[in-house]
Amino acid sequence: MIYYQISEIFTLIPTQLFNKAEGERVLQQIFSIGPSYIAQSVDITNHNATLCYAVHQDTIGKTNNADKVYPFVYKLLSLINESNNYNNAIFHYNSEINLCHIIICEGKELKIANSFKCDNFNTALYFLILSVKKLNMNPKQTKIRVCYNITNNDAALMKRFFNGIEMNLLDNSDII
């Protein structure tokens, strides 16, 4: 079975530059992971990138040997090619651990896949708007795919800044 862990401990490396030792080194530098974390990687072939991530050994201990544990961003990345919008963004916010995920593509080219710690929805929305603008994309030409149960007030706020939102409630039974 495949499981996903909502975590910010990941990075994307261009496939042509990736090797396992480099992936582990980058994770160590960015996140200061200790020996209780197991570095892993998976190819994102559609985007010529390798997703490097680390999973705590306690999390892996909750699964069977044949099971796979990926970071939640991997699940979100699989959704990016489902949209026909040119400026395409996926947004997920988890208020329990105050973490948002943002994935942005221009056409079919992956521009950003990142996570941010944020205290509330407004801060997460700020990071989304800032990310879109930093990529020189017009928010009014960008449709956002929201991948969590957003409130009506938050949806109305997002619609003020973007070309609209699409709801994509995910089956979260595979989150560990």
Protein backbone atom coordinates (compact mmCIF):
# COMPACT_ATOMS: atom_id res chain seq x y z
CA MET A 1 0.00 0.00 0.00
CA ILE A 2 1.05 3.59 -0.55
CA TYR A 3 0.89 6.09 2.30
CA TYR A 4 1.53 9.81 2.41
CA GLN A 5 2.93 11.87 5.24
CA ILE A 6 2.19 15.57 5.48
CA SER A 7 5.69 16.93 5.86
CA GLU A 8 7.90 19.77 4.74
CA ILE A 9 11.02 17.58 4.63
CA PHE A 10 11.49 17.34 0.87
CA THR A 11 13.24 18.99 -2.03
CA LEU A 12 13.27 18.60 -5.79
CA ILE A 13 16.55 18.09 -7.63
CA PRO A 14 16.86 18.02 -11.44
CA THR A 15 17.18 14.34 -12.38
CA GLN A 16 20.39 14.90 -14.35
CA LEU A 17 22.05 16.34 -11.20
CA PHE A 18 20.70 13.79 -8.73
CA ASN A 19 22.64 11.10 -6.96
CA LYS A 20 21.65 9.48 -3.68
CA ALA A 21 24.53 10.91 -1.63
CA GLU A 22 23.82 14.43 -2.90
CA GLY A 23 20.12 14.05 -2.08
CA GLU A 24 20.91 13.04 1.49
CA ARG A 25 23.42 15.88 1.84
CA VAL A 26 20.88 18.45 0.63
CA LEU A 27 18.25 17.15 3.06
CA GLN A 28 20.80 17.35 5.90
CA GLN A 29 21.68 20.94 5.00
CA ILE A 30 18.14 22.20 4.59
CA PHE A 31 16.37 20.35 7.41
CA SER A 32 19.10 19.20 9.82
CA ILE A 33 17.59 15.72 9.89
CA GLY A 34 19.12 13.30 12.34
CA PRO A 35 19.90 9.60 12.14
CA SER A 36 16.29 8.69 13.01
CA TYR A 37 15.24 9.91 9.54
CA ILE A 38 15.58 7.72 6.48
CA ALA A 39 16.37 9.60 3.26
CA GLN A 40 14.54 8.36 0.18
CA SER A 41 13.84 9.52 -3.34
CA VAL A 42 11.39 9.04 -6.19
CA ASP A 43 11.54 10.21 -9.79
CA ILE A 44 9.04 12.79 -11.02
CA THR A 45 9.47 11.84 -14.66
CA ASN A 46 6.94 14.34 -16.06
CA HIS A 47 9.10 17.16 -14.73
CA ASN A 48 12.63 15.71 -15.07
CA ALA A 49 13.10 15.95 -11.33
CA THR A 50 13.78 13.70 -8.39
CA LEU A 51 11.88 14.24 -5.17
CA CYS A 52 14.22 13.73 -2.21
CA TYR A 53 12.57 13.35 1.16
CA ALA A 54 13.09 11.89 4.60
CA VAL A 55 10.69 9.86 6.69
CA HIS A 56 11.10 9.28 10.40
CA GLN A 57 11.78 5.65 11.24
CA ASP A 58 8.78 5.60 13.64
CA THR A 59 6.50 6.44 10.70
CA ILE A 60 7.97 3.67 8.59
CA GLY A 61 7.56 1.33 11.57
CA LYS A 62 3.78 1.83 11.33
CA THR A 63 3.72 0.20 7.89
CA ASN A 64 4.46 -3.21 6.41
CA ASN A 65 7.74 -3.87 4.62
CA ALA A 66 6.04 -3.80 1.21
CA ASP A 67 4.36 -0.44 1.90
CA LYS A 68 5.72 2.85 0.56
CA VAL A 69 5.63 6.17 2.42
CA TYR A 70 5.91 9.33 0.34
CA PRO A 71 5.62 12.98 1.33
CA PHE A 72 2.19 14.47 0.71
CA VAL A 73 3.64 16.75 -1.95
CA TYR A 74 4.13 13.64 -4.12
CA LYS A 75 0.37 13.06 -4.10
CA LEU A 76 -0.21 16.71 -5.00
CA LEU A 77 2.35 16.57 -7.82
CA SER A 78 0.41 13.71 -9.37
CA LEU A 79 -2.57 16.07 -9.76
CA ILE A 80 -0.78 18.79 -11.68
CA ASN A 81 -1.22 17.21 -15.11
CA GLU A 82 -4.98 16.80 -14.65
CA SER A 83 -5.68 20.47 -15.31
CA ASN A 84 -6.03 22.11 -18.72
CA ASN A 85 -5.33 25.59 -17.32
CA TYR A 86 -2.16 27.26 -18.58
CA ASN A 87 -1.34 28.93 -15.25
CA ASN A 88 -2.01 26.14 -12.83
CA ALA A 89 -1.56 26.08 -9.06
CA ILE A 90 -2.32 23.50 -6.41
CA PHE A 91 -2.82 24.70 -2.86
CA HIS A 92 -3.15 22.66 0.32
CA TYR A 93 -3.30 23.98 3.86
CA ASN A 94 -3.27 21.88 7.03
CA SER A 95 -4.34 23.93 10.04
CA GLU A 96 -3.47 21.14 12.50
CA ILE A 97 0.26 21.43 11.80
CA ASN A 98 0.20 24.91 10.20
CA LEU A 99 1.71 23.82 6.92
CA CYS A 100 0.77 24.74 3.37
CA HIS A 101 1.88 23.17 0.12
CA ILE A 102 2.08 25.16 -3.09
CA ILE A 103 2.71 23.72 -6.54
CA ILE A 104 2.72 26.00 -9.57
CA CYS A 105 3.07 25.16 -13.26
CA GLU A 106 3.19 27.41 -16.26
CA GLY A 107 1.87 25.34 -19.10
CA LYS A 108 3.18 21.88 -18.26
CA GLU A 109 6.46 23.22 -16.81
CA LEU A 110 6.81 22.83 -13.06
CA LYS A 111 7.90 26.17 -11.59
CA ILE A 112 7.61 25.58 -7.84
CA ALA A 113 6.78 22.78 -5.44
CA ASN A 114 7.26 23.96 -1.89
CA SER A 115 5.83 23.98 1.59
CA PHE A 116 5.66 26.78 4.12
CA LYS A 117 5.01 26.87 7.84
CA CYS A 118 2.20 29.35 8.48
CA ASP A 119 0.11 30.20 11.50
CA ASN A 120 -3.17 30.64 9.66
CA PHE A 121 -4.95 30.56 6.30
CA ASN A 122 -4.25 34.23 5.56
CA THR A 123 -0.50 33.65 5.84
CA ALA A 124 -0.77 30.59 3.60
CA LEU A 125 -2.74 32.65 1.06
CA TYR A 126 -0.06 35.36 1.22
CA PHE A 127 2.62 32.78 0.36
CA LEU A 128 0.50 31.57 -2.56
CA ILE A 129 0.00 35.08 -3.95
CA LEU A 130 3.67 35.93 -3.45
CA SER A 131 4.77 32.72 -5.18
CA VAL A 132 2.56 33.39 -8.20
CA LYS A 133 3.79 36.98 -8.49
CA LYS A 134 7.46 36.01 -8.06
CA LEU A 135 7.05 33.76 -11.09
CA ASN A 136 5.79 36.77 -13.07
CA MET A 137 2.38 35.16 -13.42
CA ASN A 138 -0.82 37.14 -13.23
CA PRO A 139 -2.98 35.92 -10.31
CA LYS A 140 -6.09 36.97 -12.26
CA GLN A 141 -5.09 34.48 -14.97
CA THR A 142 -4.29 31.71 -12.52
CA LYS A 143 -6.80 29.13 -11.40
CA ILE A 144 -6.12 27.52 -8.03
CA ARG A 145 -6.91 23.89 -7.31
CA VAL A 146 -7.65 23.71 -3.59
CA CYS A 147 -6.97 20.28 -2.11
CA TYR A 148 -8.58 20.48 1.31
CA ASN A 149 -11.95 21.39 2.79
CA ILE A 150 -11.85 25.19 2.58
CA THR A 151 -14.40 27.39 4.34
CA ASN A 152 -16.79 29.55 2.31
CA ASN A 153 -15.16 32.73 3.65
CA ASP A 154 -11.68 31.55 2.69
CA ALA A 155 -12.92 30.50 -0.77
CA ALA A 156 -14.48 33.94 -1.29
CA LEU A 157 -11.20 35.59 -0.28
CA MET A 158 -9.21 33.45 -2.73
CA LYS A 159 -11.64 34.26 -5.55
CA ARG A 160 -10.89 37.97 -5.05
CA PHE A 161 -7.24 37.39 -5.96
CA PHE A 162 -7.34 34.59 -8.52
CA ASN A 163 -9.16 33.56 -11.69
CA GLY A 164 -11.18 31.12 -9.66
CA ILE A 165 -10.76 28.04 -7.60
CA GLU A 166 -11.43 24.39 -8.26
CA MET A 167 -12.17 22.12 -5.36
CA ASN A 168 -10.35 18.82 -5.32
CA LEU A 169 -11.08 17.08 -2.06
CA LEU A 170 -8.65 14.22 -1.72
CA ASP A 171 -9.20 10.87 -0.14
CA ASN A 172 -7.10 11.20 2.99
CA SER A 173 -7.43 7.59 4.13
CA ASP A 174 -3.86 7.03 2.91
CA ILE A 175 -2.30 9.70 5.14
CA ILE A 176 -0.16 8.29 7.90
